[in-house]
Amino acid sequence: MHFSQAVAIVQHQVGTIRGVQVLYSDTTSLETDLILNLSQDGIQLFFDPLCQRLKVIEVYNMKAVKLKYW
């Protein structure tokens, strides 16, 4: 998934997903990952700085994660 796709999904779910932060470095933007932090869900999505593709999904707060099974 590309960074732009993830942002579009978050924008589409604006009522459901709250507390979103985009973390990046002004000085080393091509060396450090883009991070989409979903603070209320306890999840961080790490994107490669050059190709902007998702490379890591980090769950840092399991109590905040709500799982659904279809």
PDB file of N, CA and C in Angstrom:
ATOM      1  N   MET A   1       0.842  -1.163   0.000  1.00  0.00           N
ATOM      2  CA  MET A   1       0.000   0.000   0.000  1.00  0.00           C
ATOM      3  C   MET A   1       0.896   1.238   0.000  1.00  0.00           C
ATOM      4  N   HIS A   2       0.521   2.213  -0.770  1.00  0.00           N
ATOM      5  CA  HIS A   2       1.237   3.485  -0.803  1.00  0.00           C
ATOM      6  C   HIS A   2       0.710   4.409   0.291  1.00  0.00           C
ATOM      7  N   PHE A   3       1.549   5.377   0.659  1.00  0.00           N
ATOM      8  CA  PHE A   3       1.190   6.352   1.680  1.00  0.00           C
ATOM      9  C   PHE A   3      -0.100   7.085   1.312  1.00  0.00           C
ATOM     10  N   SER A   4      -0.233   7.456   0.050  1.00  0.00           N
ATOM     11  CA  SER A   4      -1.429   8.193  -0.385  1.00  0.00           C
ATOM     12  C   SER A   4      -2.689   7.345  -0.242  1.00  0.00           C
ATOM     13  N   GLN A   5      -2.584   6.034  -0.454  1.00  0.00           N
ATOM     14  CA  GLN A   5      -3.733   5.146  -0.276  1.00  0.00           C
ATOM     15  C   GLN A   5      -4.146   5.085   1.196  1.00  0.00           C
ATOM     16  N   ALA A   6      -3.158   5.019   2.083  1.00  0.00           N
ATOM     17  CA  ALA A   6      -3.458   4.967   3.515  1.00  0.00           C
ATOM     18  C   ALA A   6      -4.123   6.261   3.975  1.00  0.00           C
ATOM     19  N   VAL A   7      -3.635   7.395   3.485  1.00  0.00           N
ATOM     20  CA  VAL A   7      -4.237   8.684   3.844  1.00  0.00           C
ATOM     21  C   VAL A   7      -5.665   8.767   3.323  1.00  0.00           C
ATOM     22  N   ALA A   8      -5.908   8.265   2.119  1.00  0.00           N
ATOM     23  CA  ALA A   8      -7.260   8.279   1.551  1.00  0.00           C
ATOM     24  C   ALA A   8      -8.210   7.418   2.385  1.00  0.00           C
ATOM     25  N   ILE A   9      -7.742   6.286   2.868  1.00  0.00           N
ATOM     26  CA  ILE A   9      -8.573   5.415   3.709  1.00  0.00           C
ATOM     27  C   ILE A   9      -8.904   6.118   5.019  1.00  0.00           C
ATOM     28  N   VAL A  10      -7.901   6.755   5.621  1.00  0.00           N
ATOM     29  CA  VAL A  10      -8.130   7.474   6.880  1.00  0.00           C
ATOM     30  C   VAL A  10      -9.107   8.617   6.664  1.00  0.00           C
ATOM     31  N   GLN A  11      -8.968   9.345   5.567  1.00  0.00           N
ATOM     32  CA  GLN A  11      -9.890  10.449   5.280  1.00  0.00           C
ATOM     33  C   GLN A  11     -11.308   9.935   5.065  1.00  0.00           C
ATOM     34  N   HIS A  12     -11.447   8.779   4.435  1.00  0.00           N
ATOM     35  CA  HIS A  12     -12.766   8.202   4.179  1.00  0.00           C
ATOM     36  C   HIS A  12     -13.425   7.739   5.483  1.00  0.00           C
ATOM     37  N   GLN A  13     -12.610   7.351   6.461  1.00  0.00           N
ATOM     38  CA  GLN A  13     -13.120   6.865   7.750  1.00  0.00           C
ATOM     39  C   GLN A  13     -13.000   7.933   8.837  1.00  0.00           C
ATOM     40  N   VAL A  14     -13.189   9.198   8.467  1.00  0.00           N
ATOM     41  CA  VAL A  14     -12.948  10.319   9.372  1.00  0.00           C
ATOM     42  C   VAL A  14     -13.788  10.240  10.650  1.00  0.00           C
ATOM     43  N   GLY A  15     -14.942   9.696  10.625  1.00  0.00           N
ATOM     44  CA  GLY A  15     -15.762   9.572  11.827  1.00  0.00           C
ATOM     45  C   GLY A  15     -15.356   8.423  12.721  1.00  0.00           C
ATOM     46  N   THR A  16     -14.722   7.413  12.144  1.00  0.00           N
ATOM     47  CA  THR A  16     -14.338   6.215  12.876  1.00  0.00           C
ATOM     48  C   THR A  16     -12.918   6.294  13.405  1.00  0.00           C
ATOM     49  N   ILE A  17     -11.995   6.746  12.578  1.00  0.00           N
ATOM     50  CA  ILE A  17     -10.583   6.825  12.946  1.00  0.00           C
ATOM     51  C   ILE A  17     -10.279   8.259  13.375  1.00  0.00           C
ATOM     52  N   ARG A  18      -9.844   8.408  14.629  1.00  0.00           N
ATOM     53  CA  ARG A  18      -9.508   9.735  15.153  1.00  0.00           C
ATOM     54  C   ARG A  18      -8.095   9.704  15.731  1.00  0.00           C
ATOM     55  N   GLY A  19      -7.533  10.865  15.945  1.00  0.00           N
ATOM     56  CA  GLY A  19      -6.203  10.960  16.552  1.00  0.00           C
ATOM     57  C   GLY A  19      -5.100  10.534  15.611  1.00  0.00           C
ATOM     58  N   VAL A  20      -5.153  10.983  14.370  1.00  0.00           N
ATOM     59  CA  VAL A  20      -4.161  10.597  13.362  1.00  0.00           C
ATOM     60  C   VAL A  20      -3.088  11.675  13.269  1.00  0.00           C
ATOM     61  N   GLN A  21      -1.834  11.235  13.271  1.00  0.00           N
ATOM     62  CA  GLN A  21      -0.701  12.142  13.105  1.00  0.00           C
ATOM     63  C   GLN A  21       0.187  11.622  11.987  1.00  0.00           C
ATOM     64  N   VAL A  22       0.726  12.534  11.188  1.00  0.00           N
ATOM     65  CA  VAL A  22       1.731  12.197  10.199  1.00  0.00           C
ATOM     66  C   VAL A  22       3.064  12.687  10.746  1.00  0.00           C
ATOM     67  N   LEU A  23       4.002  11.765  10.948  1.00  0.00           N
ATOM     68  CA  LEU A  23       5.303  12.100  11.511  1.00  0.00           C
ATOM     69  C   LEU A  23       6.363  11.945  10.423  1.00  0.00           C
ATOM     70  N   TYR A  24       7.196  12.974  10.272  1.00  0.00           N
ATOM     71  CA  TYR A  24       8.269  12.949   9.281  1.00  0.00           C
ATOM     72  C   TYR A  24       9.357  13.904   9.731  1.00  0.00           C
ATOM     73  N   SER A  25      10.499  13.835   9.061  1.00  0.00           N
ATOM     74  CA  SER A  25      11.618  14.702   9.393  1.00  0.00           C
ATOM     75  C   SER A  25      11.789  15.761   8.316  1.00  0.00           C
ATOM     76  N   ASP A  26      11.856  17.008   8.728  1.00  0.00           N
ATOM     77  CA  ASP A  26      12.112  18.094   7.781  1.00  0.00           C
ATOM     78  C   ASP A  26      13.536  18.054   7.246  1.00  0.00           C
ATOM     79  N   THR A  27      14.469  17.663   8.089  1.00  0.00           N
ATOM     80  CA  THR A  27      15.883  17.723   7.702  1.00  0.00           C
ATOM     81  C   THR A  27      16.360  16.485   6.966  1.00  0.00           C
ATOM     82  N   THR A  28      15.854  15.315   7.328  1.00  0.00           N
ATOM     83  CA  THR A  28      16.300  14.068   6.686  1.00  0.00           C
ATOM     84  C   THR A  28      15.102  13.322   6.106  1.00  0.00           C
ATOM     85  N   SER A  29      14.334  14.000   5.304  1.00  0.00           N
ATOM     86  CA  SER A  29      13.085  13.419   4.795  1.00  0.00           C
ATOM     87  C   SER A  29      13.299  12.211   3.892  1.00  0.00           C
ATOM     88  N   LEU A  30      14.436  12.099   3.226  1.00  0.00           N
ATOM     89  CA  LEU A  30      14.690  10.958   2.342  1.00  0.00           C
ATOM     90  C   LEU A  30      15.416   9.821   3.049  1.00  0.00           C
ATOM     91  N   GLU A  31      15.692   9.996   4.336  1.00  0.00           N
ATOM     92  CA  GLU A  31      16.406   8.965   5.092  1.00  0.00           C
ATOM     93  C   GLU A  31      15.561   8.349   6.204  1.00  0.00           C
ATOM     94  N   THR A  32      14.566   9.064   6.685  1.00  0.00           N
ATOM     95  CA  THR A  32      13.743   8.549   7.782  1.00  0.00           C
ATOM     96  C   THR A  32      12.331   8.245   7.282  1.00  0.00           C
ATOM     97  N   ASP A  33      11.740   7.241   7.887  1.00  0.00           N
ATOM     98  CA  ASP A  33      10.421   6.764   7.477  1.00  0.00           C
ATOM     99  C   ASP A  33       9.342   7.819   7.684  1.00  0.00           C
ATOM    100  N   LEU A  34       8.326   7.746   6.835  1.00  0.00           N
ATOM    101  CA  LEU A  34       7.082   8.470   7.074  1.00  0.00           C
ATOM    102  C   LEU A  34       6.272   7.600   8.029  1.00  0.00           C
ATOM    103  N   ILE A  35       5.693   8.191   9.039  1.00  0.00           N
ATOM    104  CA  ILE A  35       4.928   7.418  10.018  1.00  0.00           C
ATOM    105  C   ILE A  35       3.522   7.982  10.093  1.00  0.00           C
ATOM    106  N   LEU A  36       2.556   7.094   9.948  1.00  0.00           N
ATOM    107  CA  LEU A  36       1.154   7.447  10.147  1.00  0.00           C
ATOM    108  C   LEU A  36       0.780   6.858  11.505  1.00  0.00           C
ATOM    109  N   ASN A  37       0.643   7.731  12.498  1.00  0.00           N
ATOM    110  CA  ASN A  37       0.381   7.313  13.867  1.00  0.00           C
ATOM    111  C   ASN A  37      -1.117   7.402  14.145  1.00  0.00           C
ATOM    112  N   LEU A  38      -1.729   6.272  14.426  1.00  0.00           N
ATOM    113  CA  LEU A  38      -3.140   6.209  14.808  1.00  0.00           C
ATOM    114  C   LEU A  38      -3.169   6.078  16.326  1.00  0.00           C
ATOM    115  N   SER A  39      -3.021   7.196  17.015  1.00  0.00           N
ATOM    116  CA  SER A  39      -2.782   7.188  18.457  1.00  0.00           C
ATOM    117  C   SER A  39      -3.929   6.581  19.264  1.00  0.00           C
ATOM    118  N   GLN A  40      -5.163   6.810  18.872  1.00  0.00           N
ATOM    119  CA  GLN A  40      -6.287   6.256  19.634  1.00  0.00           C
ATOM    120  C   GLN A  40      -6.484   4.765  19.378  1.00  0.00           C
ATOM    121  N   ASP A  41      -5.873   4.265  18.308  1.00  0.00           N
ATOM    122  CA  ASP A  41      -5.968   2.833  18.007  1.00  0.00           C
ATOM    123  C   ASP A  41      -4.708   2.069  18.395  1.00  0.00           C
ATOM    124  N   GLY A  42      -3.655   2.780  18.822  1.00  0.00           N
ATOM    125  CA  GLY A  42      -2.424   2.117  19.250  1.00  0.00           C
ATOM    126  C   GLY A  42      -1.645   1.493  18.113  1.00  0.00           C
ATOM    127  N   ILE A  43      -1.711   2.094  16.931  1.00  0.00           N
ATOM    128  CA  ILE A  43      -1.057   1.531  15.736  1.00  0.00           C
ATOM    129  C   ILE A  43      -0.222   2.606  15.056  1.00  0.00           C
ATOM    130  N   GLN A  44       0.953   2.207  14.573  1.00  0.00           N
ATOM    131  CA  GLN A  44       1.770   3.069  13.734  1.00  0.00           C
ATOM    132  C   GLN A  44       2.064   2.347  12.430  1.00  0.00           C
ATOM    133  N   LEU A  45       1.914   3.064  11.321  1.00  0.00           N
ATOM    134  CA  LEU A  45       2.227   2.532  10.002  1.00  0.00           C
ATOM    135  C   LEU A  45       3.488   3.226   9.508  1.00  0.00           C
ATOM    136  N   PHE A  46       4.517   2.449   9.183  1.00  0.00           N
ATOM    137  CA  PHE A  46       5.795   2.987   8.735  1.00  0.00           C
ATOM    138  C   PHE A  46       5.900   2.815   7.218  1.00  0.00           C
ATOM    139  N   PHE A  47       6.211   3.912   6.537  1.00  0.00           N
ATOM    140  CA  PHE A  47       6.330   3.914   5.084  1.00  0.00           C
ATOM    141  C   PHE A  47       7.762   4.257   4.691  1.00  0.00           C
ATOM    142  N   ASP A  48       8.257   3.582   3.651  1.00  0.00           N
ATOM    143  CA  ASP A  48       9.585   3.855   3.119  1.00  0.00           C
ATOM    144  C   ASP A  48       9.646   5.306   2.638  1.00  0.00           C
ATOM    145  N   PRO A  49      10.718   6.034   2.954  1.00  0.00           N
ATOM    146  CA  PRO A  49      10.759   7.449   2.580  1.00  0.00           C
ATOM    147  C   PRO A  49      10.897   7.702   1.080  1.00  0.00           C
ATOM    148  N   LEU A  50      11.470   6.783   0.335  1.00  0.00           N
ATOM    149  CA  LEU A  50      11.668   7.003  -1.097  1.00  0.00           C
ATOM    150  C   LEU A  50      10.475   6.564  -1.935  1.00  0.00           C
ATOM    151  N   CYS A  51      10.067   5.317  -1.783  1.00  0.00           N
ATOM    152  CA  CYS A  51       8.965   4.810  -2.621  1.00  0.00           C
ATOM    153  C   CYS A  51       7.600   4.981  -1.949  1.00  0.00           C
ATOM    154  N   GLN A  52       7.589   5.345  -0.671  1.00  0.00           N
ATOM    155  CA  GLN A  52       6.380   5.605   0.112  1.00  0.00           C
ATOM    156  C   GLN A  52       5.435   4.408   0.173  1.00  0.00           C
ATOM    157  N   ARG A  53       6.016   3.216   0.230  1.00  0.00           N
ATOM    158  CA  ARG A  53       5.219   2.001   0.387  1.00  0.00           C
ATOM    159  C   ARG A  53       5.274   1.546   1.837  1.00  0.00           C
ATOM    160  N   LEU A  54       4.162   0.972   2.298  1.00  0.00           N
ATOM    161  CA  LEU A  54       4.065   0.474   3.669  1.00  0.00           C
ATOM    162  C   LEU A  54       5.069  -0.643   3.877  1.00  0.00           C
ATOM    163  N   LYS A  55       5.849  -0.543   4.952  1.00  0.00           N
ATOM    164  CA  LYS A  55       6.820  -1.601   5.215  1.00  0.00           C
ATOM    165  C   LYS A  55       6.664  -2.230   6.596  1.00  0.00           C
ATOM    166  N   VAL A  56       6.088  -1.506   7.575  1.00  0.00           N
ATOM    167  CA  VAL A  56       5.923  -2.056   8.921  1.00  0.00           C
ATOM    168  C   VAL A  56       4.605  -1.563   9.510  1.00  0.00           C
ATOM    169  N   ILE A  57       3.896  -2.479  10.150  1.00  0.00           N
ATOM    170  CA  ILE A  57       2.728  -2.125  10.961  1.00  0.00           C
ATOM    171  C   ILE A  57       3.094  -2.459  12.399  1.00  0.00           C
ATOM    172  N   GLU A  58       3.126  -1.446  13.251  1.00  0.00           N
ATOM    173  CA  GLU A  58       3.481  -1.643  14.643  1.00  0.00           C
ATOM    174  C   GLU A  58       2.255  -1.420  15.521  1.00  0.00           C
ATOM    175  N   VAL A  59       1.921  -2.425  16.310  1.00  0.00           N
ATOM    176  CA  VAL A  59       0.841  -2.305  17.292  1.00  0.00           C
ATOM    177  C   VAL A  59       1.521  -2.089  18.635  1.00  0.00           C
ATOM    178  N   TYR A  60       1.363  -0.893  19.198  1.00  0.00           N
ATOM    179  CA  TYR A  60       2.055  -0.580  20.443  1.00  0.00           C
ATOM    180  C   TYR A  60       1.117  -0.503  21.643  1.00  0.00           C
ATOM    181  N   ASN A  61      -0.179  -0.647  21.424  1.00  0.00           N
ATOM    182  CA  ASN A  61      -1.130  -0.647  22.529  1.00  0.00           C
ATOM    183  C   ASN A  61      -2.266  -1.613  22.187  1.00  0.00           C
ATOM    184  N   MET A  62      -2.117  -2.854  22.602  1.00  0.00           N
ATOM    185  CA  MET A  62      -3.113  -3.876  22.266  1.00  0.00           C
ATOM    186  C   MET A  62      -4.474  -3.596  22.903  1.00  0.00           C
ATOM    187  N   LYS A  63      -4.512  -2.880  24.009  1.00  0.00           N
ATOM    188  CA  LYS A  63      -5.793  -2.577  24.654  1.00  0.00           C
ATOM    189  C   LYS A  63      -6.622  -1.604  23.827  1.00  0.00           C
ATOM    190  N   ALA A  64      -5.966  -0.798  23.007  1.00  0.00           N
ATOM    191  CA  ALA A  64      -6.677   0.182  22.186  1.00  0.00           C
ATOM    192  C   ALA A  64      -7.146  -0.397  20.855  1.00  0.00           C
ATOM    193  N   VAL A  65      -6.606  -1.546  20.457  1.00  0.00           N
ATOM    194  CA  VAL A  65      -6.948  -2.147  19.171  1.00  0.00           C
ATOM    195  C   VAL A  65      -8.287  -2.859  19.273  1.00  0.00           C
ATOM    196  N   LYS A  66      -9.176  -2.551  18.339  1.00  0.00           N
ATOM    197  CA  LYS A  66     -10.473  -3.217  18.280  1.00  0.00           C
ATOM    198  C   LYS A  66     -10.466  -4.116  17.050  1.00  0.00           C
ATOM    199  N   LEU A  67     -10.597  -5.395  17.266  1.00  0.00           N
ATOM    200  CA  LEU A  67     -10.570  -6.338  16.155  1.00  0.00           C
ATOM    201  C   LEU A  67     -11.982  -6.720  15.760  1.00  0.00           C
ATOM    202  N   LYS A  68     -12.189  -6.825  14.455  1.00  0.00           N
ATOM    203  CA  LYS A  68     -13.465  -7.287  13.914  1.00  0.00           C
ATOM    204  C   LYS A  68     -13.214  -8.468  13.006  1.00  0.00           C
ATOM    205  N   TYR A  69     -14.068  -9.437  13.075  1.00  0.00           N
ATOM    206  CA  TYR A  69     -13.973 -10.600  12.206  1.00  0.00           C
ATOM    207  C   TYR A  69     -15.220 -10.656  11.334  1.00  0.00           C
ATOM    208  N   TRP A  70     -15.015 -10.772  10.057  1.00  0.00           N
ATOM    209  CA  TRP A  70     -16.125 -10.796   9.116  1.00  0.00           C
ATOM    210  C   TRP A  70     -16.454 -12.202   8.737  1.00  0.00           C
TER     211      TRP A  70
END
